[in-house]
Amino acid sequence: MIREIFLKMHNPEYADRVMKQVEHDAGQAGFGACSIALFGEPGVGKFEFVLSGRHVTRRCDGDSVEGAAFGGPIFYGHAALSDEEAADHPGNIYWYQAKRANEVFKMLDGKQREVALLETSRAEHGTETVALSGKERGLPASR
């Protein structure tokens, strides 16, 4: 049932490709490594379905965010070929979503675009998240 919900959250043209990517990213555990949560009660008011796993998070909103039909990531980055992607992101199964979002932005007038764009980027921690420990042996992912 969870797999069916996940697939129905995607355009049928891309659902199988997205599922293959989720299974690839999760390794041997596949789609079964994902977890879900339900917030609220479907059919009796505001609720939300959330699926999360390695390199995947999907949230389907059921009137739980005022004025929004869908909550969660609109574009999920996926470097298909390498960490250095070309401008047209070949092989990226989510690239079509970014193009659709850009089309919506182009439809906005000047004032709407100003509201849609953030003046500052999200807070980051610089290189703290990838700081090296200096150890050469005994690292968790070492082979």
C-alpha atoms as a PDB file:
ATOM      1  CA  MET A   1       0.000   0.000   0.000  1.00  0.00           C
ATOM      2  CA  ILE A   2       2.847   2.404   0.862  1.00  0.00           C
ATOM      3  CA  ARG A   3       4.545   1.717  -2.480  1.00  0.00           C
ATOM      4  CA  GLU A   4       1.253   2.457  -4.276  1.00  0.00           C
ATOM      5  CA  ILE A   5       0.812   5.757  -2.407  1.00  0.00           C
ATOM      6  CA  PHE A   6       4.386   6.755  -3.241  1.00  0.00           C
ATOM      7  CA  LEU A   7       3.941   5.933  -6.941  1.00  0.00           C
ATOM      8  CA  LYS A   8       0.624   7.833  -7.131  1.00  0.00           C
ATOM      9  CA  MET A   9       2.346  10.947  -5.733  1.00  0.00           C
ATOM     10  CA  HIS A  10       4.338  11.155  -8.991  1.00  0.00           C
ATOM     11  CA  ASN A  11       3.516  11.807 -12.590  1.00  0.00           C
ATOM     12  CA  PRO A  12       3.037   8.336 -14.152  1.00  0.00           C
ATOM     13  CA  GLU A  13       5.681   9.230 -16.732  1.00  0.00           C
ATOM     14  CA  TYR A  14       8.322   9.432 -13.975  1.00  0.00           C
ATOM     15  CA  ALA A  15       6.995   7.172 -11.181  1.00  0.00           C
ATOM     16  CA  ASP A  16       8.974   4.061 -12.161  1.00  0.00           C
ATOM     17  CA  ARG A  17      12.192   6.059 -12.648  1.00  0.00           C
ATOM     18  CA  VAL A  18      11.762   7.712  -9.248  1.00  0.00           C
ATOM     19  CA  MET A  19      11.138   4.343  -7.578  1.00  0.00           C
ATOM     20  CA  LYS A  20      14.268   2.867  -9.202  1.00  0.00           C
ATOM     21  CA  GLN A  21      16.297   5.797  -7.893  1.00  0.00           C
ATOM     22  CA  VAL A  22      14.939   5.388  -4.356  1.00  0.00           C
ATOM     23  CA  GLU A  23      15.744   1.679  -4.440  1.00  0.00           C
ATOM     24  CA  HIS A  24      19.236   2.362  -5.818  1.00  0.00           C
ATOM     25  CA  ASP A  25      20.000   4.953  -3.149  1.00  0.00           C
ATOM     26  CA  ALA A  26      18.782   2.666  -0.337  1.00  0.00           C
ATOM     27  CA  GLY A  27      21.028  -0.228  -1.374  1.00  0.00           C
ATOM     28  CA  GLN A  28      20.031  -3.785  -0.458  1.00  0.00           C
ATOM     29  CA  ALA A  29      17.213  -2.634   1.807  1.00  0.00           C
ATOM     30  CA  GLY A  30      15.505  -0.947  -1.148  1.00  0.00           C
ATOM     31  CA  PHE A  31      12.184   0.802  -0.722  1.00  0.00           C
ATOM     32  CA  GLY A  32      11.624  -1.115   2.511  1.00  0.00           C
ATOM     33  CA  ALA A  33      14.247   1.056   4.213  1.00  0.00           C
ATOM     34  CA  CYS A  34      11.890   4.037   4.017  1.00  0.00           C
ATOM     35  CA  SER A  35       9.748   5.101   6.962  1.00  0.00           C
ATOM     36  CA  ILE A  36       6.343   6.736   6.957  1.00  0.00           C
ATOM     37  CA  ALA A  37       4.334   8.900   9.295  1.00  0.00           C
ATOM     38  CA  LEU A  38       0.716  10.019   9.238  1.00  0.00           C
ATOM     39  CA  PHE A  39      -0.227  13.249  10.947  1.00  0.00           C
ATOM     40  CA  GLY A  40      -3.910  13.767  11.608  1.00  0.00           C
ATOM     41  CA  GLU A  41      -6.609  11.447  10.328  1.00  0.00           C
ATOM     42  CA  PRO A  42      -7.316  11.153   6.594  1.00  0.00           C
ATOM     43  CA  GLY A  43     -10.917  11.897   5.687  1.00  0.00           C
ATOM     44  CA  VAL A  44     -11.815  13.814   8.841  1.00  0.00           C
ATOM     45  CA  GLY A  45      -9.828  17.028   8.526  1.00  0.00           C
ATOM     46  CA  LYS A  46      -6.264  18.105   8.177  1.00  0.00           C
ATOM     47  CA  PHE A  47      -3.718  15.327   7.700  1.00  0.00           C
ATOM     48  CA  GLU A  48      -0.371  14.660   6.109  1.00  0.00           C
ATOM     49  CA  PHE A  49       1.457  11.578   4.770  1.00  0.00           C
ATOM     50  CA  VAL A  50       5.263  11.692   4.996  1.00  0.00           C
ATOM     51  CA  LEU A  51       7.667   9.119   3.548  1.00  0.00           C
ATOM     52  CA  SER A  52      11.381   9.449   4.249  1.00  0.00           C
ATOM     53  CA  GLY A  53      14.444   7.387   3.410  1.00  0.00           C
ATOM     54  CA  ARG A  54      17.982   7.775   2.094  1.00  0.00           C
ATOM     55  CA  HIS A  55      17.929  10.658  -0.397  1.00  0.00           C
ATOM     56  CA  VAL A  56      14.144  10.762  -0.454  1.00  0.00           C
ATOM     57  CA  THR A  57      11.476  12.688   1.412  1.00  0.00           C
ATOM     58  CA  ARG A  58       7.928  13.054   0.173  1.00  0.00           C
ATOM     59  CA  ARG A  59       5.095  14.799   1.928  1.00  0.00           C
ATOM     60  CA  CYS A  60       1.528  14.703   0.681  1.00  0.00           C
ATOM     61  CA  ASP A  61      -0.710  17.293   2.272  1.00  0.00           C
ATOM     62  CA  GLY A  62      -4.372  16.817   3.072  1.00  0.00           C
ATOM     63  CA  ASP A  63      -5.424  20.334   4.052  1.00  0.00           C
ATOM     64  CA  SER A  64      -2.829  20.533   6.830  1.00  0.00           C
ATOM     65  CA  VAL A  65      -1.062  23.599   5.443  1.00  0.00           C
ATOM     66  CA  GLU A  66      -3.428  26.525   5.045  1.00  0.00           C
ATOM     67  CA  GLY A  67      -3.769  27.524   1.399  1.00  0.00           C
ATOM     68  CA  ALA A  68      -1.463  24.786   0.106  1.00  0.00           C
ATOM     69  CA  ALA A  69      -2.430  21.722  -1.894  1.00  0.00           C
ATOM     70  CA  PHE A  70       0.935  20.009  -1.461  1.00  0.00           C
ATOM     71  CA  GLY A  71       3.641  20.424   1.129  1.00  0.00           C
ATOM     72  CA  GLY A  72       7.205  19.214   0.862  1.00  0.00           C
ATOM     73  CA  PRO A  73      10.039  19.314  -1.611  1.00  0.00           C
ATOM     74  CA  ILE A  74       9.194  20.446  -5.113  1.00  0.00           C
ATOM     75  CA  PHE A  75      12.676  19.836  -6.462  1.00  0.00           C
ATOM     76  CA  TYR A  76      14.893  17.136  -5.074  1.00  0.00           C
ATOM     77  CA  GLY A  77      18.438  17.357  -6.384  1.00  0.00           C
ATOM     78  CA  HIS A  78      19.968  14.211  -7.788  1.00  0.00           C
ATOM     79  CA  ALA A  79      23.379  14.212  -9.447  1.00  0.00           C
ATOM     80  CA  ALA A  80      22.791  11.388 -11.923  1.00  0.00           C
ATOM     81  CA  LEU A  81      26.157  11.194 -13.638  1.00  0.00           C
ATOM     82  CA  SER A  82      28.559  12.934 -11.267  1.00  0.00           C
ATOM     83  CA  ASP A  83      28.815  15.799  -8.800  1.00  0.00           C
ATOM     84  CA  GLU A  84      29.586  18.091 -11.750  1.00  0.00           C
ATOM     85  CA  GLU A  85      26.313  18.248 -13.716  1.00  0.00           C
ATOM     86  CA  ALA A  86      25.810  20.009 -17.029  1.00  0.00           C
ATOM     87  CA  ALA A  87      23.300  22.873 -17.183  1.00  0.00           C
ATOM     88  CA  ASP A  88      20.561  20.596 -18.574  1.00  0.00           C
ATOM     89  CA  HIS A  89      21.148  17.947 -15.830  1.00  0.00           C
ATOM     90  CA  PRO A  90      21.195  14.826 -18.057  1.00  0.00           C
ATOM     91  CA  GLY A  91      19.775  11.767 -16.330  1.00  0.00           C
ATOM     92  CA  ASN A  92      18.427  13.753 -13.360  1.00  0.00           C
ATOM     93  CA  ILE A  93      14.958  12.320 -12.787  1.00  0.00           C
ATOM     94  CA  TYR A  94      13.796  15.470 -10.977  1.00  0.00           C
ATOM     95  CA  TRP A  95      14.964  18.051 -13.534  1.00  0.00           C
ATOM     96  CA  TYR A  96      11.516  18.300 -15.144  1.00  0.00           C
ATOM     97  CA  GLN A  97      10.165  19.620 -11.815  1.00  0.00           C
ATOM     98  CA  ALA A  98      12.700  22.434 -11.723  1.00  0.00           C
ATOM     99  CA  LYS A  99      11.766  23.393 -15.292  1.00  0.00           C
ATOM    100  CA  ARG A 100       8.061  23.498 -14.366  1.00  0.00           C
ATOM    101  CA  ALA A 101       8.804  25.689 -11.327  1.00  0.00           C
ATOM    102  CA  ASN A 102      10.790  28.052 -13.550  1.00  0.00           C
ATOM    103  CA  GLU A 103       7.837  28.271 -15.956  1.00  0.00           C
ATOM    104  CA  VAL A 104       5.579  29.290 -13.059  1.00  0.00           C
ATOM    105  CA  PHE A 105       8.115  31.933 -11.977  1.00  0.00           C
ATOM    106  CA  LYS A 106       8.225  33.345 -15.522  1.00  0.00           C
ATOM    107  CA  MET A 107       4.440  33.829 -15.414  1.00  0.00           C
ATOM    108  CA  LEU A 108       4.687  36.120 -12.371  1.00  0.00           C
ATOM    109  CA  ASP A 109       4.719  39.886 -12.782  1.00  0.00           C
ATOM    110  CA  GLY A 110       7.520  42.008 -11.307  1.00  0.00           C
ATOM    111  CA  LYS A 111       5.946  42.472  -7.862  1.00  0.00           C
ATOM    112  CA  GLN A 112       5.097  38.775  -7.577  1.00  0.00           C
ATOM    113  CA  ARG A 113       8.650  37.825  -8.498  1.00  0.00           C
ATOM    114  CA  GLU A 114      10.002  40.117  -5.777  1.00  0.00           C
ATOM    115  CA  VAL A 115       7.809  38.354  -3.203  1.00  0.00           C
ATOM    116  CA  ALA A 116       8.789  34.906  -4.507  1.00  0.00           C
ATOM    117  CA  LEU A 117      12.547  35.491  -4.307  1.00  0.00           C
ATOM    118  CA  LEU A 118      14.357  35.386  -0.987  1.00  0.00           C
ATOM    119  CA  GLU A 119      16.711  38.243  -0.174  1.00  0.00           C
ATOM    120  CA  THR A 120      19.077  35.978   1.743  1.00  0.00           C
ATOM    121  CA  SER A 121      19.911  32.320   1.377  1.00  0.00           C
ATOM    122  CA  ARG A 122      19.231  29.775   4.074  1.00  0.00           C
ATOM    123  CA  ALA A 123      21.664  29.670   6.960  1.00  0.00           C
ATOM    124  CA  GLU A 124      24.584  27.337   6.362  1.00  0.00           C
ATOM    125  CA  HIS A 125      27.420  26.161   8.519  1.00  0.00           C
ATOM    126  CA  GLY A 126      30.144  26.615   5.948  1.00  0.00           C
ATOM    127  CA  THR A 127      32.413  23.589   5.846  1.00  0.00           C
ATOM    128  CA  GLU A 128      31.528  22.417   9.375  1.00  0.00           C
ATOM    129  CA  THR A 129      29.377  19.588   8.015  1.00  0.00           C
ATOM    130  CA  VAL A 130      32.306  18.145   6.066  1.00  0.00           C
ATOM    131  CA  ALA A 131      35.173  18.989   8.407  1.00  0.00           C
ATOM    132  CA  LEU A 132      37.887  16.338   8.354  1.00  0.00           C
ATOM    133  CA  SER A 133      38.888  14.667  11.624  1.00  0.00           C
ATOM    134  CA  GLY A 134      42.495  14.084  10.583  1.00  0.00           C
ATOM    135  CA  LYS A 135      42.139  10.331  11.162  1.00  0.00           C
ATOM    136  CA  GLU A 136      43.415   8.029   8.432  1.00  0.00           C
ATOM    137  CA  ARG A 137      42.192   4.725   9.909  1.00  0.00           C
ATOM    138  CA  GLY A 138      39.087   3.588  11.735  1.00  0.00           C
ATOM    139  CA  LEU A 139      36.719   5.843   9.841  1.00  0.00           C
ATOM    140  CA  PRO A 140      33.119   4.598   9.759  1.00  0.00           C
ATOM    141  CA  ALA A 141      32.964   4.204   5.971  1.00  0.00           C
ATOM    142  CA  SER A 142      36.554   3.110   5.379  1.00  0.00           C
ATOM    143  CA  ARG A 143      37.156  -0.024   3.322  1.00  0.00           C
END
